[in-house]
Protein backbone atom coordinates (compact mmCIF):
# COMPACT_ATOMS: atom_id res chain seq x y z
CA MET A 1 82.42 133.59 75.10
CA LEU A 2 83.79 130.07 74.61
CA VAL A 3 86.64 130.61 72.11
CA SER A 4 88.08 133.79 70.65
CA ALA A 5 91.01 134.43 68.28
CA GLU A 6 92.73 137.77 67.68
CA ASN A 7 95.06 138.31 64.73
CA MET A 8 96.13 134.67 64.97
CA ALA A 9 98.66 133.18 62.56
CA PHE A 10 100.10 129.70 62.05
CA GLY A 11 102.30 127.92 59.52
CA PHE A 12 104.40 124.84 58.93
CA ALA A 13 108.16 124.92 58.28
CA GLY A 14 108.15 128.67 57.73
CA SER A 15 105.29 128.51 55.21
CA PRO A 16 102.23 130.46 56.41
CA LEU A 17 98.94 128.57 56.44
CA LEU A 18 96.66 130.82 58.52
CA GLU A 19 97.04 134.61 58.77
CA LYS A 20 95.18 137.36 60.67
CA ILE A 21 92.48 135.00 61.94
CA ASP A 22 89.77 136.72 64.02
CA PHE A 23 86.58 135.11 65.33
CA THR A 24 84.50 134.61 68.48
CA LEU A 25 82.54 131.48 69.32
CA SER A 26 79.86 132.06 71.95
CA GLU A 27 77.35 129.91 73.83
CA GLY A 28 74.71 128.45 71.53
CA ASP A 29 76.47 129.38 68.27
CA ARG A 30 75.98 127.15 65.22
CA VAL A 31 78.95 127.49 62.87
CA GLY A 32 79.91 125.70 59.66
CA LEU A 33 83.64 125.75 58.83
CA ILE A 34 84.25 125.39 55.09
CA GLY A 35 87.08 125.82 52.61
CA PRO A 36 89.00 123.89 49.95
CA ASN A 37 91.01 120.85 50.98
CA GLY A 38 94.37 121.88 52.44
CA GLU A 39 93.27 125.37 53.54
CA GLY A 40 93.78 124.63 57.25
CA LYS A 41 90.37 123.60 58.63
CA THR A 42 91.81 120.74 60.71
CA THR A 43 94.71 122.98 61.79
CA LEU A 44 92.25 125.60 63.08
CA ILE A 45 90.42 122.91 65.05
CA ARG A 46 93.72 121.73 66.56
CA LEU A 47 94.47 125.32 67.61
CA ILE A 48 91.07 125.51 69.35
CA LEU A 49 91.79 122.18 71.09
CA SER A 50 95.20 123.58 72.24
CA GLU A 51 97.00 120.80 70.37
CA LEU A 52 98.90 123.53 68.51
CA GLU A 53 100.07 126.98 69.57
CA PRO A 54 99.69 130.04 67.30
CA GLU A 55 102.91 131.55 65.95
CA ASP A 56 101.45 135.05 66.22
CA GLY A 57 98.37 136.63 67.75
CA ARG A 58 96.33 134.97 70.47
CA ILE A 59 93.58 132.43 70.97
CA PHE A 60 91.47 132.43 74.13
CA VAL A 61 89.61 129.33 75.30
CA LYS A 62 87.21 129.50 78.25
CA ASN A 63 88.80 128.08 81.38
CA GLY A 64 87.45 124.61 82.18
CA ILE A 65 85.38 124.39 79.01
CA ARG A 66 84.05 120.93 78.10
CA ILE A 67 84.78 120.30 74.41
CA GLY A 68 83.62 117.23 72.52
CA TYR A 69 85.53 116.51 69.31
CA LEU A 70 84.61 114.03 66.59
CA ALA A 71 87.51 113.54 64.20
CA GLN A 72 86.78 112.52 60.61
CA ASN A 73 87.70 108.91 61.42
CA GLY A 74 87.09 109.31 65.12
CA GLY A 75 86.20 105.84 66.33
CA TYR A 76 87.66 104.28 69.42
CA ASP A 77 88.48 100.85 70.78
CA SER A 78 86.87 99.25 73.79
CA GLU A 79 86.10 95.72 74.94
CA ASN A 80 82.77 96.91 76.35
CA THR A 81 79.47 96.28 74.64
CA VAL A 82 77.74 99.26 73.04
CA PHE A 83 75.27 99.74 75.90
CA GLU A 84 77.92 99.24 78.63
CA GLU A 85 80.08 101.92 77.00
CA MET A 86 77.23 104.43 76.94
CA LYS A 87 76.32 103.68 80.58
CA GLU A 88 79.81 104.80 81.65
CA ILE A 89 78.81 108.38 80.75
CA PHE A 90 76.14 108.23 83.46
CA ALA A 91 78.29 106.67 86.19
CA GLU A 92 77.45 109.49 88.64
CA ASP A 93 73.72 109.09 87.97
CA ILE A 94 73.92 105.32 88.49
CA ARG A 95 75.82 105.82 91.78
CA ALA A 96 73.20 108.32 92.97
CA LEU A 97 70.33 105.94 92.15
CA ASP A 98 72.11 103.02 93.87
CA SER A 99 72.77 105.19 96.91
CA LEU A 100 69.11 106.26 96.98
CA ARG A 101 67.93 102.64 97.03
CA GLU A 102 70.44 101.74 99.72
CA THR A 103 69.32 104.73 101.80
CA GLU A 104 65.68 103.66 101.41
CA LYS A 105 66.54 100.26 102.90
CA LYS A 106 68.41 101.86 105.83
CA ILE A 107 65.52 104.24 106.54
CA ALA A 108 63.12 101.30 106.62
CA ALA A 109 65.36 99.59 109.20
CA ALA A 110 66.04 102.71 111.33
CA GLU A 111 63.90 103.77 114.30
CA GLU A 112 61.60 106.63 113.35
CA GLY A 113 62.57 109.85 115.08
CA SER A 114 66.07 108.69 115.94
CA ASP A 115 69.22 110.65 115.04
CA GLU A 116 70.07 107.97 112.48
CA TYR A 117 66.59 108.28 110.94
CA ARG A 118 66.90 112.07 110.65
CA ALA A 119 70.40 111.83 109.15
CA LEU A 120 69.25 109.24 106.62
CA SER A 121 66.17 111.33 105.76
CA GLY A 122 68.40 114.34 105.10
CA LYS A 123 70.65 112.25 102.87
CA TYR A 124 67.59 110.84 101.08
CA GLU A 125 66.28 114.35 100.40
CA ALA A 126 69.68 115.55 99.12
CA LEU A 127 69.96 112.52 96.81
CA ASN A 128 66.45 113.11 95.49
CA LYS A 129 67.33 116.70 94.66
CA LEU A 130 70.55 115.65 92.92
CA ILE A 131 68.71 112.99 90.91
CA ALA A 132 65.97 115.42 89.93
CA ALA A 133 68.50 118.07 88.89
CA ARG A 134 70.46 115.61 86.74
CA ASP A 135 67.32 113.87 85.44
CA SER A 136 69.00 110.62 86.47
CA TYR A 137 65.91 108.44 86.24
CA ARG A 138 65.85 108.95 82.48
CA TYR A 139 69.47 108.04 81.73
CA GLU A 140 68.57 104.73 80.07
CA ILE A 141 65.88 106.42 77.98
CA ARG A 142 68.45 109.00 76.81
CA ILE A 143 70.92 106.24 75.86
CA ARG A 144 68.27 104.30 73.92
CA THR A 145 67.03 107.44 72.17
CA VAL A 146 70.49 108.27 70.82
CA LEU A 147 71.54 104.69 70.00
CA ASN A 148 68.28 103.96 68.20
CA GLY A 149 68.39 107.25 66.30
CA MET A 150 71.96 106.56 65.17
CA GLY A 151 71.12 103.06 63.94
CA PHE A 152 72.36 100.91 66.86
CA SER A 153 68.99 99.54 68.03
CA GLU A 154 70.06 95.96 67.27
CA PHE A 155 73.65 96.26 68.50
CA TYR A 156 73.30 96.98 72.25
CA ASN A 157 75.20 93.81 73.18
CA GLN A 158 77.82 93.85 70.41
CA ARG A 159 81.40 94.39 71.50
CA ILE A 160 82.85 97.62 70.15
CA SER A 161 86.13 95.94 69.25
CA THR A 162 84.31 93.84 66.62
CA MET A 163 82.82 96.86 64.80
CA SER A 164 83.93 98.47 61.53
CA GLY A 165 85.69 101.84 61.44
CA GLY A 166 82.55 103.63 60.27
CA GLU A 167 80.45 102.07 63.05
CA LYS A 168 83.03 103.13 65.66
CA THR A 169 82.94 106.70 64.36
CA ARG A 170 79.13 106.72 64.61
CA LEU A 171 79.36 105.32 68.14
CA LYS A 172 81.83 108.04 69.14
CA LEU A 173 79.29 110.58 67.93
CA CYS A 174 76.64 108.88 70.11
CA ARG A 175 78.90 109.26 73.13
CA LEU A 176 79.52 112.94 72.41
CA LEU A 177 75.78 113.64 72.05
CA LEU A 178 75.10 111.99 75.42
CA GLU A 179 77.98 113.82 77.14
CA GLU A 180 76.47 117.19 76.08
CA PRO A 181 79.69 119.26 75.98
CA GLU A 182 79.62 123.06 75.96
CA LEU A 183 81.25 123.06 72.51
CA LEU A 184 80.74 120.23 70.06
CA ILE A 185 83.29 120.12 67.22
CA LEU A 186 82.33 117.76 64.39
CA ASP A 187 84.58 116.94 61.43
CA GLU A 188 82.45 115.44 58.63
CA PRO A 189 79.80 114.01 61.01
CA THR A 190 77.52 112.88 58.16
CA ASN A 191 80.05 110.37 56.80
CA HIS A 192 78.88 106.77 57.32
CA LEU A 193 75.25 107.87 57.93
CA ASP A 194 72.29 106.88 55.80
CA ILE A 195 69.60 109.43 54.98
CA LYS A 196 67.20 108.29 57.72
CA THR A 197 69.93 108.75 60.35
CA LEU A 198 70.91 112.12 58.88
CA PHE A 199 67.39 113.46 59.38
CA TRP A 200 67.36 112.18 62.97
CA LEU A 201 70.76 113.74 63.73
CA GLU A 202 69.64 117.11 62.35
CA GLU A 203 66.56 117.10 64.59
CA TYR A 204 68.65 116.11 67.62
CA LEU A 205 71.29 118.80 67.01
CA ALA A 206 68.58 121.43 66.53
CA ALA A 207 67.65 120.89 70.20
CA PHE A 208 71.29 120.62 71.39
CA ARG A 209 71.97 123.27 74.06
CA GLY A 210 75.71 123.74 73.49
CA ALA A 211 77.60 125.47 70.69
CA ILE A 212 78.43 123.57 67.48
CA LEU A 213 81.38 124.00 65.11
CA THR A 214 81.16 121.58 62.18
CA VAL A 215 83.28 120.88 59.13
CA SER A 216 81.03 119.33 56.50
CA HIS A 217 80.68 118.87 52.75
CA ASP A 218 76.99 118.06 53.26
CA ARG A 219 75.27 121.24 52.07
CA TYR A 220 71.81 120.08 53.17
CA PHE A 221 73.19 119.47 56.69
CA LEU A 222 74.82 122.91 56.74
CA ASP A 223 71.58 124.54 55.64
CA LYS A 224 69.62 122.81 58.42
CA ILE A 225 72.09 123.19 61.30
CA VAL A 226 74.30 126.28 61.02
CA LYS A 227 73.50 129.96 61.38
CA GLU A 228 76.98 131.22 60.50
CA ILE A 229 79.65 130.20 58.01
CA TYR A 230 83.40 130.51 58.64
CA GLU A 231 85.18 130.29 55.29
CA LEU A 232 88.91 129.64 55.09
CA GLU A 233 90.38 130.83 51.80
CA ASN A 234 93.92 131.94 50.92
CA GLY A 235 94.91 131.69 54.59
CA ARG A 236 92.23 134.14 55.77
CA LEU A 237 88.96 133.54 57.58
CA CYS A 238 85.77 135.34 56.54
CA VAL A 239 82.54 135.19 58.55
CA PHE A 240 79.14 135.12 56.82
CA LYS A 241 75.82 135.24 58.68
CA GLY A 242 73.30 132.61 57.65
CA ASN A 243 73.35 129.02 56.42
CA TYR A 244 75.20 127.63 53.39
CA THR A 245 72.66 128.79 50.79
CA LYS A 246 72.76 132.32 52.25
CA TYR A 247 76.56 132.20 52.29
CA LYS A 248 76.64 131.47 48.54
CA LEU A 249 74.64 134.64 47.85
CA LEU A 250 76.64 136.80 50.27
CA LYS A 251 79.95 135.50 48.92
CA ALA A 252 78.99 136.30 45.32
CA GLU A 253 77.85 139.79 46.35
CA LYS A 254 81.07 140.39 48.29
CA ASN A 255 83.30 139.29 45.42
CA ALA A 256 81.38 141.49 42.96
CA ARG A 257 81.60 144.49 45.30
CA LEU A 258 85.33 144.12 45.99
CA LEU A 259 86.09 143.70 42.29
CA LYS A 260 84.01 146.77 41.41
CA GLU A 261 85.76 148.89 44.08
CA TYR A 262 89.16 147.72 42.85
CA GLU A 263 88.37 148.43 39.19
CA LYS A 264 86.97 151.85 40.05
CA GLN A 265 90.14 152.77 41.94
CA GLN A 266 92.33 151.46 39.12
CA GLU A 267 90.45 153.71 36.68
CA GLU A 268 90.99 156.68 38.99
CA ILE A 269 94.71 155.88 39.32
CA ALA A 270 95.06 155.54 35.55
CA HIS A 271 93.24 158.85 35.01
CA LEU A 272 95.44 160.69 37.55
CA GLN A 273 98.64 159.13 36.18
CA ASP A 274 97.67 160.06 32.63
CA TYR A 275 97.14 163.68 33.69
CA VAL A 276 100.54 163.71 35.48
CA ASP A 277 102.34 162.21 32.46
CA ARG A 278 100.87 164.82 30.09
CA ASN A 279 101.17 167.92 32.29
CA LEU A 280 104.12 167.55 34.66
CA VAL A 281 106.67 168.92 32.16
CA ARG A 282 104.59 171.99 31.25
CA ALA A 283 105.25 175.07 33.27
CA THR A 284 101.60 176.17 33.17
CA THR A 285 100.20 172.86 34.44
CA ALA A 286 103.10 171.51 36.55
CA LYS A 287 101.56 172.72 39.81
CA SER A 288 98.24 170.92 39.23
CA ALA A 289 100.14 167.82 38.08
CA LEU A 290 102.16 167.81 41.31
CA SER A 291 98.93 167.98 43.36
CA ARG A 292 97.79 164.83 41.60
CA VAL A 293 101.15 163.18 42.31
CA LYS A 294 100.62 163.89 46.01
CA LYS A 295 97.09 162.48 45.79
CA LEU A 296 98.46 159.31 44.23
CA GLU A 297 101.09 159.01 46.96
CA LYS A 298 98.50 159.39 49.72
CA MET A 299 96.06 156.97 48.14
CA GLU A 300 95.70 153.60 49.90
CA VAL A 301 95.84 151.24 46.96
CA LEU A 302 93.36 148.40 47.19
CA GLU A 303 94.71 144.88 46.80
CA LYS A 304 93.31 143.08 43.79
CA PRO A 305 90.67 140.63 45.08
CA LYS A 306 91.88 137.06 45.02
CA LEU A 307 89.21 135.15 43.23
CA PRO A 308 88.60 131.60 44.53
CA PRO A 309 90.45 128.93 42.56
CA SER A 310 88.41 127.60 39.68
CA PRO A 311 86.77 124.25 40.48
CA PRO A 312 87.28 121.06 38.46
CA ARG A 313 85.38 121.02 35.17
CA PHE A 314 83.48 117.96 34.03
CA SER A 315 81.71 117.41 30.73
CA PHE A 316 79.69 114.38 29.66
CA SER A 317 78.75 113.49 26.09
CA TYR A 318 77.90 110.44 23.96
CA ALA A 319 78.01 109.43 20.31
CA GLU A 320 74.81 107.39 19.84
CA ARG A 321 71.28 108.02 21.10
CA PRO A 322 69.57 104.97 22.69
CA TYR A 323 65.97 103.82 22.30
CA GLU A 324 63.40 105.42 24.62
CA ARG A 325 63.29 102.59 27.20
CA VAL A 326 66.85 102.63 28.55
CA LEU A 327 66.43 100.10 31.38
CA GLU A 328 63.74 97.66 32.42
CA VAL A 329 63.91 95.69 35.67
CA ALA A 330 61.19 93.05 36.07
CA ALA A 331 60.68 90.61 39.01
CA LEU A 332 64.28 91.00 40.18
CA GLU A 333 65.46 89.18 43.31
CA LEU A 334 68.82 89.95 44.92
CA LYS A 335 70.56 88.41 47.91
CA ALA A 336 73.55 89.25 50.06
CA GLY A 337 74.80 85.86 51.16
CA GLU A 338 71.77 84.08 52.60
CA ARG A 339 69.85 87.31 53.24
CA THR A 340 67.29 88.41 50.65
CA LEU A 341 67.65 92.11 49.96
CA PHE A 342 64.50 92.37 47.86
CA LYS A 343 62.42 90.24 45.52
CA ASP A 344 59.85 90.69 42.77
CA ALA A 345 61.30 94.19 42.21
CA SER A 346 60.37 96.07 39.05
CA PHE A 347 61.04 99.55 37.68
CA THR A 348 61.94 101.26 34.42
CA VAL A 349 64.26 104.10 33.42
CA MET A 350 63.34 106.10 30.34
CA ARG A 351 65.70 108.05 28.07
CA GLY A 352 66.69 111.42 29.56
CA GLU A 353 65.55 110.58 33.11
CA LYS A 354 67.76 111.34 36.09
CA CYS A 355 66.95 108.82 38.83
CA ALA A 356 68.21 108.71 42.41
CA VAL A 357 68.31 105.34 44.21
CA VAL A 358 67.66 105.90 47.93
CA GLY A 359 67.27 103.70 51.00
CA ASP A 360 68.79 102.91 54.38
CA ASN A 361 72.24 101.37 54.68
CA GLY A 362 72.12 97.66 53.92
CA THR A 363 69.00 97.74 51.73
CA GLY A 364 71.02 96.85 48.62
CA LYS A 365 71.52 100.10 46.69
CA SER A 366 75.12 99.40 45.64
CA THR A 367 74.28 95.72 45.00
CA LEU A 368 71.48 96.80 42.65
CA VAL A 369 73.82 99.13 40.76
CA ARG A 370 76.46 96.42 40.37
CA GLU A 371 73.83 93.96 39.09
CA ILE A 372 72.67 96.46 36.45
CA VAL A 373 76.24 97.11 35.30
CA ARG A 374 77.09 93.38 35.26
CA GLY A 375 74.38 92.83 32.65
CA LYS A 376 74.08 89.06 33.22
CA ASN A 377 70.73 88.89 35.04
CA PRO A 378 67.73 88.10 32.77
CA ALA A 379 65.51 90.24 35.02
CA VAL A 380 67.60 93.32 34.08
CA LYS A 381 67.37 94.44 30.45
CA ALA A 382 69.12 97.43 28.88
CA GLY A 383 67.53 98.98 25.79
CA ARG A 384 68.98 99.01 22.27
CA PHE A 385 72.03 101.21 21.66
CA VAL A 386 72.48 101.78 25.40
CA LYS A 387 76.10 102.31 26.39
CA ILE A 388 76.63 102.19 30.16
CA ALA A 389 79.40 104.13 31.89
CA CYS A 390 79.83 103.36 35.59
CA TYR A 391 81.44 105.30 38.44
CA ASP A 392 82.29 103.11 41.45
CA GLN A 393 82.58 104.74 44.91
CA GLU A 394 85.58 102.54 45.75
CA ASN A 395 87.37 103.48 42.48
CA ALA A 396 88.20 99.78 42.14
CA ASN A 397 88.69 100.16 38.38
CA LEU A 398 91.89 102.19 38.94
CA ASN A 399 95.26 100.41 38.92
CA PRO A 400 97.12 101.54 42.08
CA GLU A 401 100.51 100.94 40.39
CA ASN A 402 99.76 103.18 37.39
CA THR A 403 100.75 106.81 37.21
CA VAL A 404 97.97 109.41 36.92
CA LEU A 405 98.89 110.05 33.27
CA GLY A 406 99.21 106.35 32.46
CA GLU A 407 95.86 105.45 34.05
CA LEU A 408 93.94 107.50 31.50
CA TRP A 409 96.32 107.20 28.54
CA GLU A 410 96.42 103.38 28.65
CA ARG A 411 92.67 103.38 28.05
CA HIS A 412 92.99 105.66 25.00
CA VAL A 413 96.35 104.78 23.45
CA LEU A 414 95.59 106.55 20.16
CA TRP A 415 95.14 109.92 21.84
CA GLU A 416 97.97 112.43 21.90
CA GLN A 417 99.57 113.05 25.28
CA THR A 418 98.52 116.71 25.13
CA LYS A 419 94.84 115.73 24.96
CA VAL A 420 95.18 113.38 27.94
CA ARG A 421 96.97 116.04 29.99
CA ASN A 422 94.31 118.63 29.12
CA ILE A 423 91.50 116.35 30.32
CA LEU A 424 93.34 115.71 33.59
CA ALA A 425 94.08 119.43 34.01
CA GLN A 426 90.36 120.19 33.69
CA VAL A 427 89.68 118.07 36.78
CA LYS A 428 92.55 119.86 38.61
CA LEU A 429 95.24 117.21 38.28
CA ASP A 430 98.14 119.36 37.12
CA ALA A 431 101.63 118.70 35.74
CA GLY A 432 102.99 117.89 39.19
CA ASP A 433 100.47 115.06 39.57
CA MET A 434 101.14 113.31 36.25
CA ASP A 435 103.91 111.01 37.52
CA LYS A 436 102.31 110.25 40.87
CA LYS A 437 101.21 106.67 41.39
CA VAL A 438 97.47 106.21 41.88
CA LYS A 439 98.05 104.58 45.27
CA MET A 440 99.75 107.78 46.50
CA LEU A 441 96.78 110.04 45.69
CA SER A 442 94.48 111.50 48.34
CA GLY A 443 90.81 110.46 48.37
CA GLY A 444 89.81 113.65 46.56
CA GLU A 445 92.52 113.31 43.89
CA ARG A 446 91.62 109.67 43.28
CA ALA A 447 87.93 110.58 42.92
CA LYS A 448 88.76 113.27 40.34
CA LEU A 449 90.94 110.84 38.36
CA ALA A 450 88.15 108.24 38.40
CA LEU A 451 85.67 110.87 37.20
CA ALA A 452 88.02 111.83 34.34
CA VAL A 453 88.19 108.14 33.32
CA PHE A 454 84.39 107.88 33.66
CA GLU A 455 83.86 111.03 31.56
CA CYS A 456 85.99 109.64 28.71
CA GLU A 457 83.86 106.48 28.41
CA ASN A 458 81.21 108.59 26.61
CA GLY A 459 78.28 106.57 27.91
CA ASN A 460 74.72 107.57 27.11
CA PHE A 461 73.53 105.91 30.36
CA LEU A 462 75.59 107.09 33.34
CA ILE A 463 75.46 105.01 36.54
CA LEU A 464 77.15 106.52 39.60
CA ASP A 465 77.58 105.06 43.10
CA GLU A 466 78.21 107.80 45.71
CA PRO A 467 79.98 110.16 43.28
CA THR A 468 80.32 113.04 45.78
CA ASN A 469 82.38 111.06 48.32
CA HIS A 470 85.82 112.68 48.84
CA LEU A 471 84.90 115.75 46.71
CA ASP A 472 85.03 119.20 48.26
CA LEU A 473 82.10 121.60 47.86
CA PRO A 474 83.24 123.35 44.65
CA ALA A 475 83.93 119.97 42.98
CA ARG A 476 80.50 118.65 44.02
CA GLU A 477 78.77 121.68 42.58
CA SER A 478 80.78 121.41 39.36
CA LEU A 479 79.80 117.73 38.99
CA GLU A 480 76.18 118.68 39.68
CA ASP A 481 76.23 121.29 36.92
CA ALA A 482 77.81 118.88 34.42
CA LEU A 483 75.22 116.16 35.09
CA LYS A 484 72.39 118.69 34.87
CA ALA A 485 73.66 119.78 31.46
CA PHE A 486 73.99 116.16 30.26
CA ASP A 487 71.01 115.28 28.03
CA GLY A 488 71.47 111.52 28.44
CA THR A 489 70.17 109.22 31.19
CA VAL A 490 71.51 109.10 34.75
CA LEU A 491 70.97 106.60 37.58
CA PHE A 492 72.83 107.34 40.81
CA VAL A 493 73.15 106.36 44.45
CA SER A 494 73.95 109.18 46.87
CA HIS A 495 73.61 110.20 50.52
CA ASP A 496 74.12 113.84 49.50
CA ARG A 497 70.56 115.18 49.75
CA TYR A 498 71.48 118.54 48.20
CA PHE A 499 72.91 116.66 45.21
CA ILE A 500 69.77 114.49 44.95
CA GLN A 501 67.46 117.51 45.11
CA ALA A 502 69.47 119.40 42.48
CA LEU A 503 69.59 116.50 40.03
CA ALA A 504 66.86 113.89 40.42
CA GLY A 505 63.47 114.03 38.72
CA LYS A 506 62.62 110.50 39.80
CA ILE A 507 63.25 108.54 43.01
CA VAL A 508 63.74 104.76 43.19
CA GLU A 509 63.31 103.74 46.84
CA LEU A 510 64.56 100.50 48.41
CA ALA A 511 62.71 99.70 51.64
CA ASP A 512 61.25 96.67 53.41
CA GLY A 513 62.51 94.28 50.72
CA LYS A 514 60.71 96.15 47.95
CA ILE A 515 61.43 98.74 45.27
CA ALA A 516 59.07 101.68 44.69
CA GLU A 517 59.18 104.45 42.10
CA PHE A 518 58.28 108.09 42.72
CA LYS A 519 58.04 110.62 39.91
CA GLY A 520 59.14 113.99 41.25
CA THR A 521 61.92 115.83 43.08
CA TYR A 522 63.50 114.72 46.32
CA GLU A 523 61.64 117.35 48.36
CA GLU A 524 58.33 116.26 46.82
CA TYR A 525 59.21 112.63 47.63
CA ASN A 526 59.91 113.52 51.30
CA ALA A 527 56.67 115.53 51.55
CA CYS A 528 54.73 112.57 50.12
CA LYS A 529 56.40 110.17 52.58
CA ALA A 530 55.58 112.47 55.53
CA ALA A 531 51.93 112.76 54.44
CA ALA A 532 51.65 108.96 54.06
CA LYS A 533 53.15 108.44 57.53
CA GLU A 534 50.66 110.88 59.10
CA ALA A 535 47.74 109.20 57.32
CA LYS A 536 48.88 105.77 58.50
CA GLU A 537 49.22 106.95 62.12
CA ALA A 538 45.77 108.51 61.98
CA GLU A 539 44.33 105.27 60.56
CA GLU A 540 46.00 103.17 63.27
CA LYS A 541 44.73 105.51 65.96
CA ALA A 542 41.19 105.31 64.60
CA ALA A 543 41.40 101.49 64.54
CA LEU A 544 42.25 101.23 68.25
CA PRO A 545 39.38 99.95 70.45
CA ALA A 546 37.60 102.57 72.51
CA ALA A 547 38.66 102.77 76.13
CA PRO A 548 36.28 100.80 78.36
CA LYS A 549 33.83 102.86 80.38
CA PRO A 550 34.30 102.72 84.16
CA LYS A 551 32.07 100.23 85.93
CA ASP A 552 29.44 101.46 88.37
CA GLY A 553 30.50 99.35 91.33
CA GLY A 554 30.60 95.58 91.10
CA TYR A 555 33.60 93.38 90.60
CA ARG A 556 36.92 94.84 89.39
CA THR A 557 39.79 92.79 88.04
CA LYS A 558 43.21 92.66 89.66
CA GLU A 559 44.65 94.74 86.79
CA GLU A 560 41.93 97.40 87.24
CA ARG A 561 42.58 97.63 90.97
CA ALA A 562 46.34 97.92 90.36
CA ALA A 563 45.83 100.65 87.76
CA GLU A 564 43.57 102.57 90.17
CA THR A 565 46.14 102.32 92.95
CA LYS A 566 48.91 103.46 90.61
CA LYS A 567 46.75 106.41 89.54
CA ARG A 568 46.09 107.46 93.16
CA LEU A 569 49.78 107.26 94.00
CA ARG A 570 50.69 109.36 90.96
CA ILE A 571 48.06 111.99 91.88
CA LYS A 572 49.50 112.17 95.39
CA GLN A 573 53.04 112.47 94.01
CA LEU A 574 51.95 115.24 91.62
CA GLU A 575 50.26 117.15 94.46
CA GLU A 576 53.47 117.01 96.50
CA GLU A 577 55.63 118.11 93.55
CA ILE A 578 53.24 120.95 92.67
CA SER A 579 53.16 122.12 96.28
CA ALA A 580 56.98 122.12 96.46
CA LEU A 581 57.32 124.07 93.19
CA GLU A 582 54.65 126.58 94.23
CA SER A 583 56.55 127.18 97.45
CA GLU A 584 59.79 127.64 95.52
CA GLU A 585 58.06 130.05 93.13
CA SER A 586 56.82 132.11 96.09
CA ASP A 587 60.30 132.14 97.67
CA ILE A 588 61.96 133.29 94.43
CA ASN A 589 59.44 136.10 93.97
CA ALA A 590 60.13 137.23 97.55
CA GLN A 591 63.90 137.18 96.90
CA LEU A 592 63.50 139.24 93.71
CA ALA A 593 61.95 141.99 95.79
CA LEU A 594 65.03 142.25 98.05
CA PRO A 595 67.28 145.33 97.33
CA GLU A 596 70.53 143.31 97.60
CA ILE A 597 69.28 140.89 94.91
CA ALA A 598 68.01 143.62 92.62
CA ALA A 599 71.42 145.34 92.80
CA ASP A 600 73.37 142.16 91.94
CA TYR A 601 72.90 141.37 88.24
CA ALA A 602 74.41 137.89 88.39
CA ARG A 603 72.21 136.78 91.31
CA LEU A 604 69.15 138.47 89.80
CA SER A 605 69.74 136.73 86.44
CA GLU A 606 70.21 133.37 88.15
CA ARG A 607 66.92 133.66 90.07
CA CYS A 608 64.98 134.89 87.03
CA LYS A 609 66.24 131.90 85.05
CA ARG A 610 65.22 129.49 87.81
CA LEU A 611 61.79 131.16 88.07
CA GLU A 612 61.17 130.49 84.37
CA GLU A 613 62.18 126.85 84.85
CA VAL A 614 59.83 126.46 87.82
CA LYS A 615 56.93 127.95 85.87
CA ALA A 616 57.55 125.61 82.94
CA ASP A 617 57.71 122.58 85.28
CA LEU A 618 54.47 123.68 86.96
CA ASP A 619 52.71 123.98 83.62
CA ASN A 620 53.68 120.41 82.75
CA LEU A 621 52.62 119.06 86.15
CA TYR A 622 49.27 120.92 86.06
CA GLU A 623 48.57 119.46 82.62
CA GLU A 624 49.26 115.89 83.79
CA TYR A 625 47.28 116.45 87.03
CA GLU A 626 44.20 117.60 85.08
CA THR A 627 44.25 114.44 82.93
CA LEU A 628 44.26 112.21 86.03
CA ILE A 629 41.63 113.80 88.27
């Protein structure tokens, strides 16, 4: 057990936020924490981190536990370079390796057989064991693996203080992955990551040995990583086994069951009360009526299930149907400053298509969208009767000094105020929000206002740049449904793979300075990419020259002699390592037969675990040995 809560409660200024919270986080758990904005997800994390104390109930945290926490904007400042900062994590390993080299020099200088020689040999052996246990020789490989996977392969020598906020957050995640805490708490870890990095992170976390608690709006990420969902709703926490997709099914079943049980009991209560009302005053039936009164008094009345709040509602429509060819891009070249993003790029968008634009960060997705909307480039041609409506991820079209009501009403001055308010209410901006200034809105509120403005433009060609940013899960799913129902044309940029899979029937990929089209769903596109990668690797392998056959005597080059020497040394090293592990395996088996070990579960478990590790190491060494001899 790492963390456990029992009947825990917490609130602010006398207003309850969390009530009757019960859960247990154990070693190796994979948990997704979800819930509407403002339900207390960050507060629960702060309680786990002991930054807050519960007002009632208890929370237990394992003594001495190592917790790694990535806040939503969790970067940090340092004057170190990226690689220097990561090396600090392995300071003990670096000291051990330095000490080993220093000891080697002293042994070489000491007289063999002397007390100093024996002492140094003992120290050398102890250091070797420590280094082997910590896998210290591979520390640089581990750093490079994580930095490269997270997109820092070209930034080893960049000073952290010069990086953007998003880059610092990614770097903090790199540090946490390398530190390997017992419990890794991640708040929106997929922010600032492109799709390629997301796939890498999912694979890395799948092999992570510690427990994971993550807050995320990325449904694809939740499906891949978590095996349990903690849902915060109306101040209570409910636990659902399975990933996000499974949670959706279980939640719907639970709500239907609770509502059915409640309605059934209400019918029974109404039936009993009706009998009492009709028969209590009659002498002949008063006794049976009183028995029903007692039954009603003893009945534990079920609380009416609190249905989740309705999500925002979006609806897209247009007045005029465009010609079949909505957009044609031919031989387009785009630059960012002096850097060419792509050139000679061509693709078309036909009426009714829903196209996702995908690619790594920096390939020019948002630049392409802006160029299409600008409509000034002769290489970009919109079809006849096309009316473009654009959603910008920065919401730059909103006036920060306007009120919420004024922002939409000023664009449609002939509309009645009631109509404007109704549209805003549908996206969950209520009467209390109407007089708020746009600059005072949260990210989610600003996104919903921008979507309301976007909806009212009545475009028949919708272009959206990262529309799911800042939206919670119900709002994302509502936007998905509205765009699915829209019979016009959609072109969108998104890192939300679940959103892409649900919506796109065509993929426009930006990679290596080129644009490619793929007709099909996102999953089909990924399968096609994987197959192409495998075919290319197989082709490259087949094209490699055959290994030269060994010479029967005669002259050998310096490189050949060096390779042979290296091979002999490795075979000798393997024989020594195999011999040591075989001896250890024999010793452990002998210890397992001892009565005092068999009677002590903790010691027995420890030795059994080590025996499995030794066997696995032997298998690997045998395999390498067979390839060399």
